[in-house]
Amino acid sequence: MTCANLPPPVARAPRIGANDLQVTVARTLNDLMQVMAIRTLVYMGEQTCPYDEEFDGNDFAGATHLILRKADEPVGVVRLRWFADFAKLERLAIRKEYRGGRGLLLLSRAAFDLAERKGYRRLMGHAQLRVAPFWQRYFQGRVRQNRNGFCFSDYDYVELEFDLKPSADAITIDSEPMVLLRPEGEWDRPGVLDRSVGRSEPVQHA
């Protein structure tokens, strides 16, 4: 979790609407190539992180990637991994030339919103020590008690924990079947399988 040129403090990062900024879930091979390109620029290029440490084997292991775009240009990414009773925020990166605006808050807010829509009540992340105040200020993160700081890839980190409030329409085991079949993060929009419902009579198998 990295960030730079922090905007002024607010009680909690707002749901920001900007005409030329949007956050979407990475769904295609091209989306994932954009994710990897941004992380290569930020972590390998700026922080000289070795390839094997940046691409750690977790990008396809129960992970969701979000992409921040300015118009059609990918400018930021974040990875969420899903565990039994918490979500984990990882690999947040904003291209250097796009830092200093509202994009960081928009991307972060989208990640929190997605976790809350999925019904999570806790989120945690490993934040570089120098940027922990950002997460404490904007998202009420707290350094986990009785946990030592640690170092990897040449940077000092602390564990931060955040309280989430699942939305009233959070996804649960009792959500409608067609809702559960829709693409990640698009639960309010009919998907391709919704369109198949009225296509023909169901096939009966013996």
N, C-alpha and C. Protein backbone atom coordinates (compact mmCIF):
# COMPACT_ATOMS: atom_id res chain seq x y z
N MET A 1 0.85 -1.18 0.00
CA MET A 1 0.00 0.00 0.00
C MET A 1 0.89 1.23 0.00
N THR A 2 0.95 1.92 -1.13
CA THR A 2 1.78 3.11 -1.23
C THR A 2 0.95 4.29 -1.67
N CYS A 3 1.40 5.47 -1.35
CA CYS A 3 0.71 6.68 -1.79
C CYS A 3 1.65 7.86 -1.65
N ALA A 4 1.29 8.97 -2.30
CA ALA A 4 2.14 10.16 -2.23
C ALA A 4 1.29 11.39 -2.46
N ASN A 5 1.81 12.55 -2.00
CA ASN A 5 1.13 13.83 -2.21
C ASN A 5 -0.33 13.77 -1.74
N LEU A 6 -0.51 13.55 -0.46
CA LEU A 6 -1.84 13.31 0.07
C LEU A 6 -2.70 14.55 0.01
N PRO A 7 -4.00 14.38 -0.38
CA PRO A 7 -4.93 15.50 -0.36
C PRO A 7 -5.32 15.87 1.06
N PRO A 8 -6.04 16.99 1.25
CA PRO A 8 -6.39 17.42 2.60
C PRO A 8 -7.28 16.42 3.33
N PRO A 9 -7.20 16.37 4.68
CA PRO A 9 -7.93 15.35 5.43
C PRO A 9 -9.44 15.55 5.39
N VAL A 10 -10.16 14.43 5.48
CA VAL A 10 -11.61 14.42 5.61
C VAL A 10 -11.96 13.39 6.66
N ALA A 11 -13.21 13.41 7.14
CA ALA A 11 -13.62 12.47 8.18
C ALA A 11 -13.46 11.03 7.70
N ARG A 12 -13.91 10.76 6.50
CA ARG A 12 -13.67 9.49 5.86
C ARG A 12 -13.67 9.75 4.37
N ALA A 13 -12.83 9.05 3.63
CA ALA A 13 -12.73 9.32 2.20
C ALA A 13 -14.11 9.24 1.56
N PRO A 14 -14.53 10.29 0.86
CA PRO A 14 -15.88 10.30 0.29
C PRO A 14 -15.97 9.46 -0.97
N ARG A 15 -17.20 9.17 -1.37
CA ARG A 15 -17.42 8.54 -2.65
C ARG A 15 -17.30 9.63 -3.71
N ILE A 16 -16.18 9.65 -4.37
CA ILE A 16 -15.83 10.77 -5.22
C ILE A 16 -16.31 10.51 -6.64
N GLY A 17 -16.98 11.47 -7.22
CA GLY A 17 -17.37 11.36 -8.61
C GLY A 17 -16.58 12.35 -9.45
N ALA A 18 -15.85 11.87 -10.40
CA ALA A 18 -15.09 12.75 -11.29
C ALA A 18 -15.37 12.29 -12.72
N ASN A 19 -15.61 13.27 -13.57
CA ASN A 19 -16.04 12.94 -14.93
C ASN A 19 -15.04 12.07 -15.67
N ASP A 20 -13.75 12.30 -15.45
CA ASP A 20 -12.75 11.58 -16.22
C ASP A 20 -12.07 10.48 -15.42
N LEU A 21 -12.54 10.17 -14.22
CA LEU A 21 -11.97 9.09 -13.41
C LEU A 21 -13.02 8.02 -13.16
N GLN A 22 -12.62 6.77 -13.28
CA GLN A 22 -13.53 5.68 -12.95
C GLN A 22 -12.72 4.48 -12.48
N VAL A 23 -13.34 3.67 -11.64
CA VAL A 23 -12.70 2.45 -11.15
C VAL A 23 -13.53 1.27 -11.62
N THR A 24 -12.87 0.28 -12.19
CA THR A 24 -13.54 -0.93 -12.65
C THR A 24 -12.78 -2.16 -12.18
N VAL A 25 -13.49 -3.28 -12.16
CA VAL A 25 -12.87 -4.57 -11.85
C VAL A 25 -12.13 -5.07 -13.08
N ALA A 26 -10.92 -5.57 -12.89
CA ALA A 26 -10.18 -6.18 -13.99
C ALA A 26 -10.83 -7.51 -14.34
N ARG A 27 -11.27 -7.66 -15.59
CA ARG A 27 -11.98 -8.87 -16.01
C ARG A 27 -11.32 -9.60 -17.17
N THR A 28 -10.57 -8.89 -17.99
CA THR A 28 -10.03 -9.46 -19.21
C THR A 28 -8.52 -9.58 -19.11
N LEU A 29 -7.95 -10.31 -20.08
CA LEU A 29 -6.49 -10.41 -20.15
C LEU A 29 -5.86 -9.04 -20.35
N ASN A 30 -6.49 -8.20 -21.17
CA ASN A 30 -5.96 -6.86 -21.37
C ASN A 30 -6.00 -6.04 -20.08
N ASP A 31 -7.07 -6.19 -19.29
CA ASP A 31 -7.14 -5.51 -18.00
C ASP A 31 -5.97 -5.94 -17.11
N LEU A 32 -5.73 -7.23 -17.05
CA LEU A 32 -4.66 -7.74 -16.18
C LEU A 32 -3.28 -7.29 -16.68
N MET A 33 -3.13 -7.16 -17.99
CA MET A 33 -1.87 -6.62 -18.51
C MET A 33 -1.67 -5.18 -18.05
N GLN A 34 -2.76 -4.41 -17.98
CA GLN A 34 -2.67 -3.04 -17.48
C GLN A 34 -2.29 -3.02 -16.00
N VAL A 35 -2.88 -3.93 -15.22
CA VAL A 35 -2.53 -4.04 -13.80
C VAL A 35 -1.04 -4.30 -13.65
N MET A 36 -0.53 -5.29 -14.39
CA MET A 36 0.88 -5.65 -14.26
C MET A 36 1.79 -4.52 -14.74
N ALA A 37 1.36 -3.80 -15.78
CA ALA A 37 2.19 -2.70 -16.28
C ALA A 37 2.34 -1.61 -15.23
N ILE A 38 1.25 -1.26 -14.57
CA ILE A 38 1.31 -0.20 -13.56
C ILE A 38 2.16 -0.64 -12.38
N ARG A 39 1.97 -1.85 -11.94
CA ARG A 39 2.78 -2.32 -10.80
C ARG A 39 4.25 -2.43 -11.17
N THR A 40 4.54 -2.77 -12.41
CA THR A 40 5.93 -2.81 -12.85
C THR A 40 6.54 -1.41 -12.80
N LEU A 41 5.80 -0.41 -13.28
CA LEU A 41 6.30 0.96 -13.26
C LEU A 41 6.56 1.43 -11.83
N VAL A 42 5.61 1.19 -10.93
CA VAL A 42 5.69 1.74 -9.58
C VAL A 42 6.63 0.93 -8.70
N TYR A 43 6.40 -0.36 -8.61
CA TYR A 43 7.17 -1.15 -7.64
C TYR A 43 8.55 -1.56 -8.16
N MET A 44 8.60 -2.04 -9.39
CA MET A 44 9.90 -2.43 -9.93
C MET A 44 10.68 -1.21 -10.40
N GLY A 45 9.99 -0.26 -11.06
CA GLY A 45 10.69 0.89 -11.59
C GLY A 45 11.11 1.89 -10.54
N GLU A 46 10.18 2.28 -9.66
CA GLU A 46 10.48 3.31 -8.66
C GLU A 46 11.11 2.74 -7.40
N GLN A 47 10.65 1.57 -6.97
CA GLN A 47 11.13 1.01 -5.70
C GLN A 47 12.14 -0.11 -5.89
N THR A 48 12.52 -0.37 -7.14
CA THR A 48 13.49 -1.41 -7.48
C THR A 48 13.17 -2.75 -6.80
N CYS A 49 11.89 -3.08 -6.76
CA CYS A 49 11.48 -4.36 -6.19
C CYS A 49 11.79 -5.47 -7.19
N PRO A 50 12.41 -6.57 -6.77
CA PRO A 50 12.68 -7.67 -7.68
C PRO A 50 11.37 -8.26 -8.25
N TYR A 51 11.45 -8.74 -9.46
CA TYR A 51 10.27 -9.27 -10.15
C TYR A 51 9.56 -10.33 -9.33
N ASP A 52 10.31 -11.30 -8.81
CA ASP A 52 9.68 -12.41 -8.08
C ASP A 52 9.03 -11.96 -6.78
N GLU A 53 9.46 -10.83 -6.23
CA GLU A 53 8.84 -10.33 -5.02
C GLU A 53 7.58 -9.54 -5.32
N GLU A 54 7.56 -8.86 -6.45
CA GLU A 54 6.36 -8.11 -6.82
C GLU A 54 5.26 -9.04 -7.31
N PHE A 55 5.60 -9.96 -8.19
CA PHE A 55 4.60 -10.89 -8.71
C PHE A 55 4.75 -12.20 -7.94
N ASP A 56 4.02 -12.23 -6.82
CA ASP A 56 4.28 -13.15 -5.71
C ASP A 56 3.48 -14.44 -5.73
N GLY A 57 2.75 -14.70 -6.81
CA GLY A 57 1.96 -15.92 -6.87
C GLY A 57 0.54 -15.77 -6.35
N ASN A 58 0.16 -14.56 -5.93
CA ASN A 58 -1.18 -14.34 -5.38
C ASN A 58 -2.12 -13.58 -6.31
N ASP A 59 -1.68 -13.27 -7.51
CA ASP A 59 -2.52 -12.47 -8.40
C ASP A 59 -3.71 -13.24 -8.96
N PHE A 60 -3.65 -14.56 -8.92
CA PHE A 60 -4.77 -15.37 -9.42
C PHE A 60 -5.30 -16.29 -8.33
N ALA A 61 -4.96 -16.02 -7.09
CA ALA A 61 -5.36 -16.88 -5.96
C ALA A 61 -6.39 -16.15 -5.11
N GLY A 62 -7.66 -16.27 -5.50
CA GLY A 62 -8.72 -15.62 -4.73
C GLY A 62 -8.57 -14.12 -4.68
N ALA A 63 -8.13 -13.51 -5.77
CA ALA A 63 -7.84 -12.08 -5.79
C ALA A 63 -8.75 -11.35 -6.76
N THR A 64 -9.05 -10.10 -6.43
CA THR A 64 -9.76 -9.19 -7.32
C THR A 64 -8.88 -7.97 -7.52
N HIS A 65 -8.71 -7.55 -8.76
CA HIS A 65 -7.91 -6.37 -9.08
C HIS A 65 -8.84 -5.24 -9.54
N LEU A 66 -8.61 -4.05 -9.02
CA LEU A 66 -9.35 -2.87 -9.44
C LEU A 66 -8.41 -1.95 -10.22
N ILE A 67 -8.94 -1.31 -11.26
CA ILE A 67 -8.15 -0.40 -12.08
C ILE A 67 -8.78 0.99 -12.04
N LEU A 68 -7.96 1.97 -11.73
CA LEU A 68 -8.37 3.38 -11.83
C LEU A 68 -7.95 3.87 -13.20
N ARG A 69 -8.91 4.45 -13.94
CA ARG A 69 -8.60 4.98 -15.26
C ARG A 69 -8.96 6.47 -15.32
N LYS A 70 -8.13 7.21 -15.99
CA LYS A 70 -8.42 8.61 -16.32
C LYS A 70 -8.75 8.62 -17.80
N ALA A 71 -10.03 8.87 -18.09
CA ALA A 71 -10.54 8.62 -19.44
C ALA A 71 -10.29 7.14 -19.74
N ASP A 72 -9.55 6.81 -20.77
CA ASP A 72 -9.28 5.40 -21.08
C ASP A 72 -7.91 4.94 -20.62
N GLU A 73 -7.16 5.82 -19.97
CA GLU A 73 -5.78 5.50 -19.61
C GLU A 73 -5.71 4.90 -18.20
N PRO A 74 -5.13 3.69 -18.05
CA PRO A 74 -4.99 3.11 -16.71
C PRO A 74 -3.93 3.86 -15.92
N VAL A 75 -4.30 4.32 -14.71
CA VAL A 75 -3.37 5.14 -13.93
C VAL A 75 -3.12 4.59 -12.52
N GLY A 76 -3.95 3.67 -12.06
CA GLY A 76 -3.76 3.13 -10.71
C GLY A 76 -4.41 1.76 -10.58
N VAL A 77 -3.93 0.99 -9.62
CA VAL A 77 -4.46 -0.35 -9.40
C VAL A 77 -4.42 -0.69 -7.91
N VAL A 78 -5.22 -1.65 -7.53
CA VAL A 78 -5.15 -2.20 -6.18
C VAL A 78 -5.62 -3.66 -6.25
N ARG A 79 -5.08 -4.49 -5.38
CA ARG A 79 -5.47 -5.90 -5.31
C ARG A 79 -6.16 -6.16 -3.99
N LEU A 80 -7.25 -6.89 -4.05
CA LEU A 80 -7.95 -7.36 -2.85
C LEU A 80 -7.89 -8.88 -2.83
N ARG A 81 -7.55 -9.43 -1.69
CA ARG A 81 -7.64 -10.88 -1.51
C ARG A 81 -8.65 -11.18 -0.42
N TRP A 82 -9.37 -12.27 -0.60
CA TRP A 82 -10.53 -12.59 0.24
C TRP A 82 -10.23 -13.80 1.12
N PHE A 83 -10.34 -13.61 2.43
CA PHE A 83 -10.16 -14.68 3.40
C PHE A 83 -11.49 -14.92 4.11
N ALA A 84 -11.51 -15.89 5.01
CA ALA A 84 -12.79 -16.31 5.60
C ALA A 84 -13.50 -15.18 6.33
N ASP A 85 -12.79 -14.41 7.15
CA ASP A 85 -13.47 -13.38 7.92
C ASP A 85 -12.83 -12.00 7.79
N PHE A 86 -12.00 -11.82 6.76
CA PHE A 86 -11.45 -10.50 6.50
C PHE A 86 -11.00 -10.41 5.05
N ALA A 87 -10.96 -9.19 4.55
CA ALA A 87 -10.39 -8.91 3.24
C ALA A 87 -9.04 -8.22 3.44
N LYS A 88 -8.16 -8.38 2.46
CA LYS A 88 -6.82 -7.80 2.58
C LYS A 88 -6.54 -6.91 1.37
N LEU A 89 -6.17 -5.67 1.67
CA LEU A 89 -5.86 -4.68 0.66
C LEU A 89 -4.37 -4.73 0.35
N GLU A 90 -4.04 -4.84 -0.94
CA GLU A 90 -2.64 -5.05 -1.31
C GLU A 90 -2.31 -4.33 -2.62
N ARG A 91 -1.03 -4.13 -2.84
CA ARG A 91 -0.47 -3.71 -4.13
C ARG A 91 -1.15 -2.47 -4.71
N LEU A 92 -1.44 -1.51 -3.85
CA LEU A 92 -2.03 -0.26 -4.34
C LEU A 92 -0.93 0.58 -4.96
N ALA A 93 -1.14 0.99 -6.19
CA ALA A 93 -0.11 1.75 -6.89
C ALA A 93 -0.77 2.78 -7.80
N ILE A 94 -0.24 3.99 -7.79
CA ILE A 94 -0.67 5.07 -8.67
C ILE A 94 0.55 5.51 -9.48
N ARG A 95 0.40 5.61 -10.78
CA ARG A 95 1.50 6.09 -11.61
C ARG A 95 1.93 7.48 -11.17
N LYS A 96 3.24 7.70 -11.17
CA LYS A 96 3.82 8.91 -10.59
C LYS A 96 3.21 10.19 -11.16
N GLU A 97 2.97 10.20 -12.46
CA GLU A 97 2.49 11.43 -13.08
C GLU A 97 1.03 11.74 -12.76
N TYR A 98 0.33 10.78 -12.12
CA TYR A 98 -1.08 10.99 -11.79
C TYR A 98 -1.32 11.11 -10.29
N ARG A 99 -0.26 11.22 -9.51
CA ARG A 99 -0.43 11.36 -8.07
C ARG A 99 -0.77 12.79 -7.71
N GLY A 100 -1.33 12.96 -6.50
CA GLY A 100 -1.59 14.30 -6.00
C GLY A 100 -3.01 14.76 -6.18
N GLY A 101 -3.83 14.00 -6.89
CA GLY A 101 -5.22 14.39 -7.06
C GLY A 101 -6.13 13.50 -6.23
N ARG A 102 -7.37 13.32 -6.73
CA ARG A 102 -8.36 12.57 -5.99
C ARG A 102 -8.38 11.08 -6.35
N GLY A 103 -7.54 10.71 -7.30
CA GLY A 103 -7.55 9.33 -7.76
C GLY A 103 -7.27 8.31 -6.67
N LEU A 104 -6.32 8.62 -5.81
CA LEU A 104 -5.97 7.69 -4.73
C LEU A 104 -7.16 7.43 -3.82
N LEU A 105 -7.88 8.48 -3.47
CA LEU A 105 -9.05 8.31 -2.62
C LEU A 105 -10.16 7.54 -3.34
N LEU A 106 -10.34 7.83 -4.60
CA LEU A 106 -11.37 7.15 -5.38
C LEU A 106 -11.08 5.66 -5.46
N LEU A 107 -9.85 5.31 -5.75
CA LEU A 107 -9.47 3.90 -5.86
C LEU A 107 -9.60 3.19 -4.51
N SER A 108 -9.14 3.83 -3.46
CA SER A 108 -9.22 3.23 -2.13
C SER A 108 -10.66 3.05 -1.69
N ARG A 109 -11.47 4.11 -1.93
CA ARG A 109 -12.89 4.04 -1.55
C ARG A 109 -13.60 2.91 -2.29
N ALA A 110 -13.27 2.72 -3.56
CA ALA A 110 -13.88 1.64 -4.34
C ALA A 110 -13.53 0.28 -3.75
N ALA A 111 -12.30 0.13 -3.29
CA ALA A 111 -11.89 -1.14 -2.69
C ALA A 111 -12.68 -1.40 -1.40
N PHE A 112 -12.82 -0.39 -0.56
CA PHE A 112 -13.58 -0.55 0.67
C PHE A 112 -15.05 -0.86 0.36
N ASP A 113 -15.60 -0.16 -0.62
CA ASP A 113 -17.01 -0.39 -0.99
C ASP A 113 -17.23 -1.81 -1.47
N LEU A 114 -16.31 -2.32 -2.28
CA LEU A 114 -16.45 -3.69 -2.79
C LEU A 114 -16.43 -4.69 -1.64
N ALA A 115 -15.51 -4.50 -0.70
CA ALA A 115 -15.44 -5.42 0.44
C ALA A 115 -16.72 -5.36 1.27
N GLU A 116 -17.27 -4.16 1.45
CA GLU A 116 -18.51 -4.04 2.22
C GLU A 116 -19.68 -4.66 1.47
N ARG A 117 -19.71 -4.52 0.16
CA ARG A 117 -20.80 -5.14 -0.62
C ARG A 117 -20.71 -6.66 -0.54
N LYS A 118 -19.52 -7.19 -0.40
CA LYS A 118 -19.35 -8.64 -0.27
C LYS A 118 -19.62 -9.13 1.15
N GLY A 119 -19.97 -8.19 2.05
CA GLY A 119 -20.37 -8.56 3.40
C GLY A 119 -19.27 -8.60 4.43
N TYR A 120 -18.09 -8.12 4.07
CA TYR A 120 -16.97 -8.17 5.03
C TYR A 120 -17.11 -7.09 6.09
N ARG A 121 -16.66 -7.43 7.28
CA ARG A 121 -16.70 -6.50 8.41
C ARG A 121 -15.30 -6.03 8.82
N ARG A 122 -14.27 -6.67 8.29
CA ARG A 122 -12.90 -6.28 8.62
C ARG A 122 -12.05 -6.31 7.36
N LEU A 123 -11.16 -5.33 7.29
CA LEU A 123 -10.18 -5.28 6.21
C LEU A 123 -8.84 -4.96 6.84
N MET A 124 -7.80 -5.55 6.31
CA MET A 124 -6.47 -5.24 6.82
C MET A 124 -5.52 -5.04 5.65
N GLY A 125 -4.41 -4.38 5.97
CA GLY A 125 -3.39 -4.16 4.96
C GLY A 125 -2.04 -3.98 5.61
N HIS A 126 -1.01 -4.22 4.84
CA HIS A 126 0.36 -3.97 5.27
C HIS A 126 0.79 -2.65 4.64
N ALA A 127 0.94 -1.63 5.45
CA ALA A 127 1.27 -0.30 4.95
C ALA A 127 2.71 0.05 5.26
N GLN A 128 3.38 0.64 4.27
CA GLN A 128 4.70 1.17 4.56
C GLN A 128 4.58 2.18 5.70
N LEU A 129 5.53 2.14 6.59
CA LEU A 129 5.47 2.95 7.80
C LEU A 129 5.26 4.43 7.48
N ARG A 130 5.86 4.91 6.41
CA ARG A 130 5.78 6.34 6.08
C ARG A 130 4.39 6.77 5.64
N VAL A 131 3.56 5.83 5.16
CA VAL A 131 2.22 6.22 4.68
C VAL A 131 1.10 5.74 5.60
N ALA A 132 1.46 5.12 6.72
CA ALA A 132 0.42 4.68 7.66
C ALA A 132 -0.48 5.84 8.10
N PRO A 133 0.05 7.07 8.30
CA PRO A 133 -0.84 8.18 8.70
C PRO A 133 -1.96 8.46 7.70
N PHE A 134 -1.71 8.23 6.41
CA PHE A 134 -2.77 8.43 5.42
C PHE A 134 -3.95 7.51 5.72
N TRP A 135 -3.69 6.22 5.95
CA TRP A 135 -4.77 5.26 6.19
C TRP A 135 -5.45 5.51 7.53
N GLN A 136 -4.71 6.00 8.50
CA GLN A 136 -5.31 6.34 9.78
C GLN A 136 -6.20 7.57 9.65
N ARG A 137 -5.78 8.53 8.87
CA ARG A 137 -6.51 9.79 8.75
C ARG A 137 -7.77 9.64 7.90
N TYR A 138 -7.66 8.98 6.77
CA TYR A 138 -8.77 8.96 5.82
C TYR A 138 -9.73 7.78 6.00
N PHE A 139 -9.24 6.69 6.55
CA PHE A 139 -10.07 5.49 6.64
C PHE A 139 -10.13 4.92 8.06
N GLN A 140 -9.69 5.71 9.03
CA GLN A 140 -9.73 5.31 10.43
C GLN A 140 -9.03 3.97 10.68
N GLY A 141 -7.98 3.73 9.95
CA GLY A 141 -7.19 2.52 10.18
C GLY A 141 -6.47 2.61 11.51
N ARG A 142 -6.24 1.49 12.10
CA ARG A 142 -5.49 1.45 13.37
C ARG A 142 -4.39 0.40 13.27
N VAL A 143 -3.26 0.75 13.82
CA VAL A 143 -2.16 -0.20 13.86
C VAL A 143 -2.55 -1.33 14.79
N ARG A 144 -2.40 -2.55 14.34
CA ARG A 144 -2.83 -3.70 15.14
C ARG A 144 -1.96 -3.82 16.38
N GLN A 145 -2.63 -4.03 17.51
CA GLN A 145 -1.95 -4.10 18.79
C GLN A 145 -1.22 -5.44 18.95
N ASN A 146 -0.12 -5.38 19.71
CA ASN A 146 0.66 -6.57 20.03
C ASN A 146 1.17 -7.28 18.79
N ARG A 147 1.39 -6.51 17.73
CA ARG A 147 1.96 -7.05 16.50
C ARG A 147 3.18 -6.19 16.15
N ASN A 148 4.29 -6.84 15.94
CA ASN A 148 5.51 -6.11 15.64
C ASN A 148 5.51 -5.63 14.20
N GLY A 149 6.16 -4.49 13.97
CA GLY A 149 6.41 -4.07 12.61
C GLY A 149 7.34 -5.06 11.94
N PHE A 150 7.42 -5.01 10.62
CA PHE A 150 8.24 -5.98 9.90
C PHE A 150 8.75 -5.34 8.62
N CYS A 151 9.67 -6.02 7.97
CA CYS A 151 10.32 -5.48 6.78
C CYS A 151 10.32 -6.53 5.68
N PHE A 152 9.97 -6.11 4.46
CA PHE A 152 10.19 -6.97 3.30
C PHE A 152 10.43 -6.09 2.08
N SER A 153 11.12 -6.63 1.12
CA SER A 153 11.49 -5.89 -0.10
C SER A 153 12.09 -4.53 0.23
N ASP A 154 12.85 -4.48 1.35
CA ASP A 154 13.64 -3.30 1.73
C ASP A 154 12.83 -2.14 2.29
N TYR A 155 11.58 -2.38 2.69
CA TYR A 155 10.76 -1.32 3.29
C TYR A 155 10.17 -1.80 4.61
N ASP A 156 9.98 -0.84 5.53
CA ASP A 156 9.38 -1.14 6.83
C ASP A 156 7.86 -1.06 6.72
N TYR A 157 7.17 -2.01 7.35
CA TYR A 157 5.72 -2.08 7.27
C TYR A 157 5.11 -2.24 8.66
N VAL A 158 3.83 -1.84 8.75
CA VAL A 158 3.01 -2.14 9.92
C VAL A 158 1.70 -2.74 9.43
N GLU A 159 1.04 -3.47 10.31
CA GLU A 159 -0.27 -4.03 10.01
C GLU A 159 -1.34 -3.03 10.42
N LEU A 160 -2.24 -2.72 9.50
CA LEU A 160 -3.36 -1.84 9.79
C LEU A 160 -4.65 -2.62 9.65
N GLU A 161 -5.61 -2.31 10.52
CA GLU A 161 -6.92 -2.95 10.48
C GLU A 161 -8.00 -1.87 10.37
N PHE A 162 -9.05 -2.19 9.60
CA PHE A 162 -10.14 -1.25 9.36
C PHE A 162 -11.47 -1.93 9.64
N ASP A 163 -12.38 -1.19 10.23
CA ASP A 163 -13.74 -1.70 10.42
C ASP A 163 -14.57 -1.39 9.18
N LEU A 164 -15.34 -2.37 8.73
CA LEU A 164 -16.22 -2.19 7.60
C LEU A 164 -17.67 -2.32 8.05
N LYS A 165 -18.56 -1.71 7.29
CA LYS A 165 -20.00 -1.82 7.56
C LYS A 165 -20.66 -2.40 6.32
N PRO A 166 -20.97 -3.70 6.34
CA PRO A 166 -21.59 -4.30 5.16
C PRO A 166 -22.83 -3.53 4.75
N SER A 167 -23.00 -3.35 3.44
CA SER A 167 -24.14 -2.60 2.94
C SER A 167 -25.42 -3.39 3.16
N ALA A 168 -26.55 -2.69 3.11
CA ALA A 168 -27.84 -3.34 3.34
C ALA A 168 -28.11 -4.42 2.31
N ASP A 169 -27.55 -4.27 1.12
CA ASP A 169 -27.75 -5.27 0.07
C ASP A 169 -26.49 -6.11 -0.15
N ALA A 170 -25.75 -6.33 0.93
CA ALA A 170 -24.53 -7.13 0.83
C ALA A 170 -24.84 -8.53 0.29
N ILE A 171 -23.89 -9.07 -0.44
CA ILE A 171 -24.03 -10.41 -1.01
C ILE A 171 -23.94 -11.43 0.12
N THR A 172 -24.92 -12.35 0.15
CA THR A 172 -24.93 -13.42 1.15
C THR A 172 -25.29 -14.73 0.47
N ILE A 173 -25.28 -15.80 1.23
CA ILE A 173 -25.65 -17.10 0.70
C ILE A 173 -27.12 -17.13 0.28
N ASP A 174 -27.92 -16.20 0.81
CA ASP A 174 -29.34 -16.13 0.48
C ASP A 174 -29.65 -15.15 -0.66
N SER A 175 -28.63 -14.54 -1.24
CA SER A 175 -28.87 -13.68 -2.39
C SER A 175 -29.48 -14.49 -3.53
N GLU A 176 -30.22 -13.82 -4.40
CA GLU A 176 -30.88 -14.51 -5.50
C GLU A 176 -29.86 -15.24 -6.38
N PRO A 177 -30.21 -16.42 -6.88
CA PRO A 177 -29.26 -17.19 -7.69
C PRO A 177 -28.67 -16.41 -8.85
N MET A 178 -29.50 -15.65 -9.57
CA MET A 178 -28.99 -14.92 -10.72
C MET A 178 -28.05 -13.80 -10.30
N VAL A 179 -28.26 -13.25 -9.11
CA VAL A 179 -27.35 -12.22 -8.60
C VAL A 179 -25.97 -12.83 -8.36
N LEU A 180 -25.94 -14.00 -7.77
CA LEU A 180 -24.67 -14.66 -7.46
C LEU A 180 -23.92 -15.09 -8.72
N LEU A 181 -24.63 -15.22 -9.83
CA LEU A 181 -23.99 -15.63 -11.08
C LEU A 181 -23.39 -14.46 -11.85
N ARG A 182 -23.69 -13.24 -11.43
CA ARG A 182 -23.22 -12.07 -12.17
C ARG A 182 -21.74 -11.79 -11.90
N PRO A 183 -21.09 -11.04 -12.80
CA PRO A 183 -19.66 -10.75 -12.63
C PRO A 183 -19.38 -9.99 -11.33
N GLU A 184 -18.20 -10.18 -10.82
CA GLU A 184 -17.75 -9.53 -9.58
C GLU A 184 -17.99 -8.03 -9.63
N GLY A 185 -18.69 -7.52 -8.62
CA GLY A 185 -18.94 -6.10 -8.52
C GLY A 185 -20.07 -5.57 -9.39
N GLU A 186 -20.68 -6.43 -10.20
CA GLU A 186 -21.77 -6.02 -11.10
C GLU A 186 -23.08 -6.68 -10.71
N TRP A 187 -23.31 -6.83 -9.42
CA TRP A 187 -24.46 -7.60 -8.95
C TRP A 187 -25.79 -6.92 -9.20
N ASP A 188 -25.78 -5.62 -9.45
CA ASP A 188 -27.04 -4.89 -9.69
C ASP A 188 -27.41 -4.83 -11.17
N ARG A 189 -26.56 -5.38 -12.01
CA ARG A 189 -26.77 -5.27 -13.45
C ARG A 189 -26.95 -6.67 -14.05
N PRO A 190 -28.03 -6.90 -14.79
CA PRO A 190 -28.22 -8.22 -15.41
C PRO A 190 -27.02 -8.61 -16.25
N GLY A 191 -26.62 -9.86 -16.11
CA GLY A 191 -25.47 -10.37 -16.85
C GLY A 191 -25.89 -11.27 -17.99
N VAL A 192 -24.91 -11.90 -18.60
CA VAL A 192 -25.18 -12.75 -19.75
C VAL A 192 -26.09 -13.91 -19.39
N LEU A 193 -25.96 -14.45 -18.19
CA LEU A 193 -26.81 -15.58 -17.80
C LEU A 193 -28.24 -15.14 -17.53
N ASP A 194 -28.44 -13.89 -17.09
CA ASP A 194 -29.80 -13.37 -16.96
C ASP A 194 -30.51 -13.40 -18.32
N ARG A 195 -29.78 -13.06 -19.36
CA ARG A 195 -30.38 -13.02 -20.69
C ARG A 195 -30.71 -14.42 -21.20
N SER A 196 -30.07 -15.42 -20.63
CA SER A 196 -30.32 -16.79 -21.09
C SER A 196 -31.60 -17.38 -20.51
N VAL A 197 -32.14 -16.75 -19.47
CA VAL A 197 -33.27 -17.35 -18.74
C VAL A 197 -34.47 -17.58 -19.64
N GLY A 198 -34.82 -16.61 -20.45
CA GLY A 198 -36.01 -16.74 -21.27
C GLY A 198 -35.76 -17.27 -22.66
N ARG A 199 -34.56 -17.80 -22.89
CA ARG A 199 -34.20 -18.20 -24.24
C ARG A 199 -34.98 -19.40 -24.74
N SER A 200 -35.13 -20.41 -23.88
CA SER A 200 -35.80 -21.64 -24.31
C SER A 200 -36.26 -22.42 -23.09
N GLU A 201 -36.95 -23.49 -23.33
CA GLU A 201 -37.37 -24.37 -22.26
C GLU A 201 -36.15 -25.07 -21.67
N PRO A 202 -36.12 -25.23 -20.34
CA PRO A 202 -35.00 -25.94 -19.72
C PRO A 202 -34.86 -27.36 -20.26
N VAL A 203 -33.61 -27.79 -20.39
CA VAL A 203 -33.33 -29.15 -20.83
C VAL A 203 -33.53 -30.09 -19.66
N GLN A 204 -34.33 -31.08 -19.83
CA GLN A 204 -34.59 -32.06 -18.78
C GLN A 204 -33.66 -33.26 -18.97
N HIS A 205 -32.95 -33.60 -17.92
CA HIS A 205 -32.06 -34.75 -17.97
C HIS A 205 -32.61 -35.86 -17.08
N ALA A 206 -32.42 -37.09 -17.52
CA ALA A 206 -32.88 -38.24 -16.73
C ALA A 206 -32.06 -38.33 -15.47
